Amino acid sequence: MNKLTKIALPIILAACSLQASAKDFTTVTAGYIFHTDSTLEDNKNQFDRSLLTVANVRVEDWGRIATVGIFENLEQSSSDPMATALGEAWSTFKFSGVANIKTGFIPGLNYMVDEFFWANTNGYESNMKLGLSYDMKLAGVKLYFGGGANYVSIDNAGARYDGFSGYAFNTSAQYPITDKISIKARYFGVFDRVAEHAIGYTDKNDAEAHNSGYMADIALTYKFDKSLSVSAMFRQNDSWYGYKTSKADMFLLTGSYTF
């Protein structure tokens, strides 16, 4: 993937989401990420930090597009002296976008293009999943499954690679406990990374380049009304999303406004 495509893809997905319709909604979320002490000890390039996201969902007869702009460490704070010195370098922009286009021949089955991109002054990584997704409801639980080939462009931590690198699988489950309280669990996994990609996720504890990784979280959300909500989330990353060591644990406290 050339540099123009790396930049253009997030912009194109974001532009599509901004063509508003009656079914669209936008959510602005602000919060803070707290890491466990062991996670900060193992990941010197990571630290407790602020979080700001702007998400938009567009729903049409042909499917839906969801885009999220993610800004971390706006204030460049840190709980580790080394990370304080690198605070400017580790202010990070992330982008997540997914298009689910109905196949038309199986209800709930979609063609899927799922992109995750991050960049800071030290490098960047783009992961685009090309495959299928499936929506369903079971006993009041809203379920989503998605998977496909993983196309990567990376220049970070010794890894420089453009091309297909393994495959990815995503799933989520959401359940409304009451009219105001809901719970949601998500899992994002990447598997069988090629060596040129995996070297960017070399764990300093075992000196091994990890060819797979994941992000998993579970969140409890309380809605004050249709617009305002707060959420408490536990998240675990393993060789993914910038975390190179196994089982990096963190807590996210956020507040959101939807319009």
Protein backbone atom coordinates (compact mmCIF):
# COMPACT_ATOMS: atom_id res chain seq x y z
CA MET A 1 0.00 0.00 0.00
CA ASN A 2 1.57 3.30 -1.03
CA LYS A 3 1.75 6.38 1.19
CA LEU A 4 -1.12 8.10 -0.63
CA THR A 5 -3.45 5.19 0.11
CA LYS A 6 -2.41 5.13 3.78
CA ILE A 7 -3.51 8.73 4.14
CA ALA A 8 -6.49 8.62 1.79
CA LEU A 9 -8.32 5.60 3.22
CA PRO A 10 -9.11 7.11 6.65
CA ILE A 11 -10.11 10.40 4.99
CA ILE A 12 -12.44 8.65 2.51
CA LEU A 13 -14.17 6.60 5.22
CA ALA A 14 -14.54 9.65 7.43
CA ALA A 15 -15.95 11.72 4.56
CA CYS A 16 -18.53 9.05 3.80
CA SER A 17 -19.68 9.07 7.41
CA LEU A 18 -20.21 12.83 7.41
CA GLN A 19 -22.93 12.71 4.75
CA ALA A 20 -25.64 12.90 7.38
CA SER A 21 -29.10 11.37 7.20
CA ALA A 22 -31.92 10.93 9.67
CA LYS A 23 -30.45 7.63 10.84
CA ASP A 24 -27.00 9.04 11.54
CA PHE A 25 -25.59 9.86 14.95
CA THR A 26 -22.33 11.25 16.27
CA THR A 27 -20.83 10.59 19.70
CA VAL A 28 -18.10 12.64 21.38
CA THR A 29 -16.36 10.86 24.25
CA ALA A 30 -13.78 12.16 26.74
CA GLY A 31 -12.06 10.17 29.46
CA TYR A 32 -8.88 8.81 30.97
CA ILE A 33 -6.90 5.57 30.66
CA PHE A 34 -5.45 4.10 33.87
CA HIS A 35 -2.91 1.23 33.61
CA THR A 36 -1.98 -1.33 36.24
CA ASP A 37 1.46 -0.92 37.80
CA SER A 38 2.78 -4.11 36.19
CA THR A 39 1.66 -2.94 32.75
CA LEU A 40 3.53 0.35 33.09
CA GLU A 41 6.61 -1.50 34.35
CA ASP A 42 6.65 -3.78 31.30
CA ASN A 43 5.68 -1.10 28.76
CA LYS A 44 7.98 1.90 29.23
CA ASN A 45 6.52 3.54 26.12
CA GLN A 46 3.01 3.53 27.61
CA PHE A 47 1.50 5.63 30.41
CA ASP A 48 -1.74 6.82 31.96
CA ARG A 49 -3.26 9.41 29.62
CA SER A 50 -6.30 11.32 28.43
CA LEU A 51 -8.61 10.07 25.70
CA LEU A 52 -10.85 11.94 23.27
CA THR A 53 -12.87 10.24 20.52
CA VAL A 54 -15.32 11.42 17.89
CA ALA A 55 -17.44 8.62 16.40
CA ASN A 56 -20.01 8.75 13.61
CA VAL A 57 -22.38 6.03 12.44
CA ARG A 58 -24.23 6.23 9.14
CA VAL A 59 -26.99 3.68 8.40
CA GLU A 60 -28.43 3.20 4.92
CA ASP A 61 -30.46 0.57 3.09
CA TRP A 62 -27.24 -0.90 1.65
CA GLY A 63 -25.51 -1.20 5.03
CA ARG A 64 -23.62 1.06 7.42
CA ILE A 65 -20.35 2.91 7.94
CA ALA A 66 -18.87 3.64 11.36
CA THR A 67 -15.81 5.85 11.81
CA VAL A 68 -13.93 6.83 14.95
CA GLY A 69 -11.19 9.41 15.37
CA ILE A 70 -9.15 8.72 18.52
CA PHE A 71 -6.78 11.19 20.19
CA GLU A 72 -4.65 10.03 23.13
CA ASN A 73 -2.37 11.92 25.51
CA LEU A 74 -3.58 15.42 24.59
CA GLU A 75 -1.98 16.88 27.69
CA GLN A 76 1.21 14.79 27.31
CA SER A 77 1.07 13.57 30.89
CA SER A 78 2.77 10.46 32.19
CA SER A 79 3.17 8.32 35.29
CA ASP A 80 6.70 7.22 34.31
CA PRO A 81 9.79 9.49 34.16
CA MET A 82 11.02 8.00 30.88
CA ALA A 83 7.62 8.39 29.28
CA THR A 84 7.51 12.00 30.51
CA ALA A 85 10.64 12.67 28.49
CA LEU A 86 8.99 11.06 25.48
CA GLY A 87 5.57 12.59 26.08
CA GLU A 88 5.58 14.66 22.91
CA ALA A 89 6.64 11.67 20.85
CA TRP A 90 3.89 9.47 22.22
CA SER A 91 0.92 11.76 21.68
CA THR A 92 -0.98 9.53 19.30
CA PHE A 93 -3.73 9.76 16.69
CA LYS A 94 -5.71 6.63 15.90
CA PHE A 95 -8.45 6.02 13.36
CA SER A 96 -10.92 3.15 13.18
CA GLY A 97 -13.43 2.70 10.38
CA VAL A 98 -15.61 -0.16 9.23
CA ALA A 99 -17.97 -0.49 6.27
CA ASN A 100 -20.51 -3.32 6.38
CA ILE A 101 -22.25 -3.68 3.01
CA LYS A 102 -25.19 -6.08 2.82
CA THR A 103 -24.58 -9.06 0.54
CA GLY A 104 -28.27 -9.23 -0.37
CA PHE A 105 -28.49 -13.03 -0.43
CA ILE A 106 -28.19 -13.94 3.28
CA PRO A 107 -29.88 -11.72 5.91
CA GLY A 108 -27.31 -10.29 8.31
CA LEU A 109 -24.32 -11.22 6.14
CA ASN A 110 -22.17 -8.31 4.94
CA TYR A 111 -19.09 -7.60 2.90
CA MET A 112 -16.64 -5.96 5.30
CA VAL A 113 -13.80 -3.45 5.02
CA ASP A 114 -12.37 -2.76 8.49
CA GLU A 115 -9.47 -0.32 8.94
CA PHE A 116 -7.40 0.54 12.02
CA PHE A 117 -4.63 3.11 11.73
CA TRP A 118 -2.38 4.84 14.26
CA ALA A 119 0.42 7.35 13.90
CA ASN A 120 2.75 9.40 16.09
CA THR A 121 6.16 10.98 15.62
CA ASN A 122 7.84 7.58 15.96
CA GLY A 123 5.97 5.70 13.23
CA TYR A 124 2.67 4.38 11.98
CA GLU A 125 0.74 1.17 11.38
CA SER A 126 -2.30 0.46 9.20
CA ASN A 127 -4.29 -2.78 9.42
CA MET A 128 -7.07 -3.28 6.85
CA LYS A 129 -9.28 -6.34 7.13
CA LEU A 130 -11.04 -7.48 3.97
CA GLY A 131 -13.70 -10.12 4.45
CA LEU A 132 -17.23 -10.80 5.72
CA SER A 133 -19.26 -9.87 8.79
CA TYR A 134 -22.49 -11.13 10.29
CA ASP A 135 -25.12 -9.43 12.50
CA MET A 136 -27.63 -11.32 14.62
CA LYS A 137 -29.72 -11.13 17.78
CA LEU A 138 -30.04 -13.97 20.28
CA ALA A 139 -32.16 -13.79 23.44
CA GLY A 140 -31.95 -10.01 23.48
CA VAL A 141 -28.18 -9.95 22.88
CA LYS A 142 -26.94 -8.05 19.83
CA LEU A 143 -24.07 -10.03 18.28
CA TYR A 144 -21.51 -9.12 15.61
CA PHE A 145 -18.85 -11.28 13.96
CA GLY A 146 -16.30 -10.21 11.37
CA GLY A 147 -13.19 -11.73 9.85
CA GLY A 148 -10.93 -11.68 6.84
CA ALA A 149 -7.47 -11.24 5.39
CA ASN A 150 -5.27 -8.60 7.05
CA TYR A 151 -3.43 -6.09 4.81
CA VAL A 152 -0.72 -4.19 6.67
CA SER A 153 1.45 -1.14 6.18
CA ILE A 154 3.87 -0.48 9.05
CA ASP A 155 7.00 1.52 9.78
CA ASN A 156 7.63 1.25 13.52
CA ALA A 157 9.86 -0.45 16.09
CA GLY A 158 12.06 -2.07 13.44
CA ALA A 159 9.16 -3.31 11.33
CA ARG A 160 8.86 -2.07 7.74
CA TYR A 161 6.34 -3.95 5.64
CA ASP A 162 3.56 -3.50 3.08
CA GLY A 163 1.39 -6.45 2.14
CA PHE A 164 -0.94 -9.15 3.40
CA SER A 165 -0.10 -10.35 6.91
CA GLY A 166 -2.22 -13.14 8.33
CA TYR A 167 -5.89 -12.74 9.16
CA ALA A 168 -8.13 -11.04 11.71
CA PHE A 169 -11.29 -11.87 13.65
CA ASN A 170 -13.60 -9.46 15.51
CA THR A 171 -16.65 -10.09 17.62
CA SER A 172 -18.87 -8.10 19.99
CA ALA A 173 -21.91 -8.69 22.16
CA GLN A 174 -24.19 -6.02 23.63
CA TYR A 175 -27.03 -6.51 26.09
CA PRO A 176 -29.39 -3.90 27.63
CA ILE A 177 -29.71 -4.82 31.32
CA THR A 178 -32.28 -2.07 31.86
CA ASP A 179 -33.48 0.96 29.90
CA LYS A 180 -30.52 2.91 31.28
CA ILE A 181 -27.80 0.28 31.87
CA SER A 182 -26.11 -1.86 29.22
CA ILE A 183 -23.09 -4.12 29.03
CA LYS A 184 -20.87 -4.69 25.99
CA ALA A 185 -17.94 -7.04 25.38
CA ARG A 186 -15.59 -6.88 22.38
CA TYR A 187 -12.66 -8.87 21.01
CA PHE A 188 -10.29 -7.90 18.17
CA GLY A 189 -7.63 -10.46 17.23
CA VAL A 190 -4.91 -10.68 14.58
CA PHE A 191 -3.17 -13.96 13.78
CA ASP A 192 -0.24 -15.36 11.75
CA ARG A 193 1.55 -12.08 11.14
CA VAL A 194 4.42 -12.40 8.70
CA ALA A 195 7.91 -12.07 10.20
CA GLU A 196 8.47 -8.57 8.80
CA HIS A 197 5.32 -7.40 10.57
CA ALA A 198 5.71 -9.41 13.79
CA ILE A 199 9.14 -7.94 14.52
CA GLY A 200 7.38 -4.69 15.42
CA TYR A 201 5.79 -6.58 18.34
CA THR A 202 8.94 -8.03 19.88
CA ASP A 203 8.36 -8.58 23.60
CA LYS A 204 11.31 -7.33 25.65
CA ASN A 205 10.49 -9.90 28.34
CA ASP A 206 10.88 -12.98 26.16
CA ALA A 207 12.69 -11.39 23.16
CA GLU A 208 10.22 -13.07 20.80
CA ALA A 209 8.45 -11.43 17.87
CA HIS A 210 4.77 -12.18 18.43
CA ASN A 211 2.89 -13.23 15.30
CA SER A 212 -0.52 -12.76 16.93
CA GLY A 213 -2.18 -10.30 19.28
CA TYR A 214 -5.53 -9.07 20.51
CA MET A 215 -7.52 -6.36 22.27
CA ALA A 216 -10.43 -7.41 24.50
CA ASP A 217 -12.65 -5.23 26.65
CA ILE A 218 -15.87 -5.22 28.62
CA ALA A 219 -17.78 -2.04 29.42
CA LEU A 220 -20.69 -1.09 31.63
CA THR A 221 -22.61 1.99 30.45
CA TYR A 222 -25.20 4.13 32.20
CA LYS A 223 -27.41 6.48 30.14
CA PHE A 224 -28.80 9.57 31.82
CA ASP A 225 -30.90 10.26 28.72
CA LYS A 226 -30.65 9.82 24.94
CA SER A 227 -27.64 12.13 24.79
CA LEU A 228 -25.56 11.76 27.96
CA SER A 229 -23.88 8.61 29.26
CA VAL A 230 -20.94 7.42 31.34
CA SER A 231 -18.97 4.21 31.03
CA ALA A 232 -16.46 2.12 32.99
CA MET A 233 -14.36 -0.32 30.97
CA PHE A 234 -11.72 -2.96 31.64
CA ARG A 235 -9.40 -3.58 28.68
CA GLN A 236 -6.59 -6.02 28.00
CA ASN A 237 -4.11 -5.79 25.13
CA ASP A 238 -1.61 -8.44 24.11
CA SER A 239 0.98 -7.56 21.44
CA TRP A 240 -1.46 -5.16 19.82
CA TYR A 241 -2.44 -1.47 19.72
CA GLY A 242 1.12 -0.44 20.64
CA TYR A 243 1.52 -2.86 23.57
CA LYS A 244 4.35 -5.35 23.04
CA THR A 245 4.15 -7.39 26.24
CA SER A 246 1.57 -9.98 27.15
CA LYS A 247 -1.61 -9.01 28.98
CA ALA A 248 -1.38 -5.24 29.38
CA ASP A 249 -4.30 -4.33 31.65
CA MET A 250 -6.02 -0.93 31.90
CA PHE A 251 -9.21 0.77 33.03
CA LEU A 252 -11.07 3.46 31.06
CA LEU A 253 -13.50 5.95 32.60
CA THR A 254 -15.40 8.00 30.04
CA GLY A 255 -18.32 10.34 29.52
CA SER A 256 -20.15 10.68 26.19
CA TYR A 257 -22.51 13.06 24.41
CA THR A 258 -24.51 11.81 21.40
CA PHE A 259 -26.31 13.97 18.84
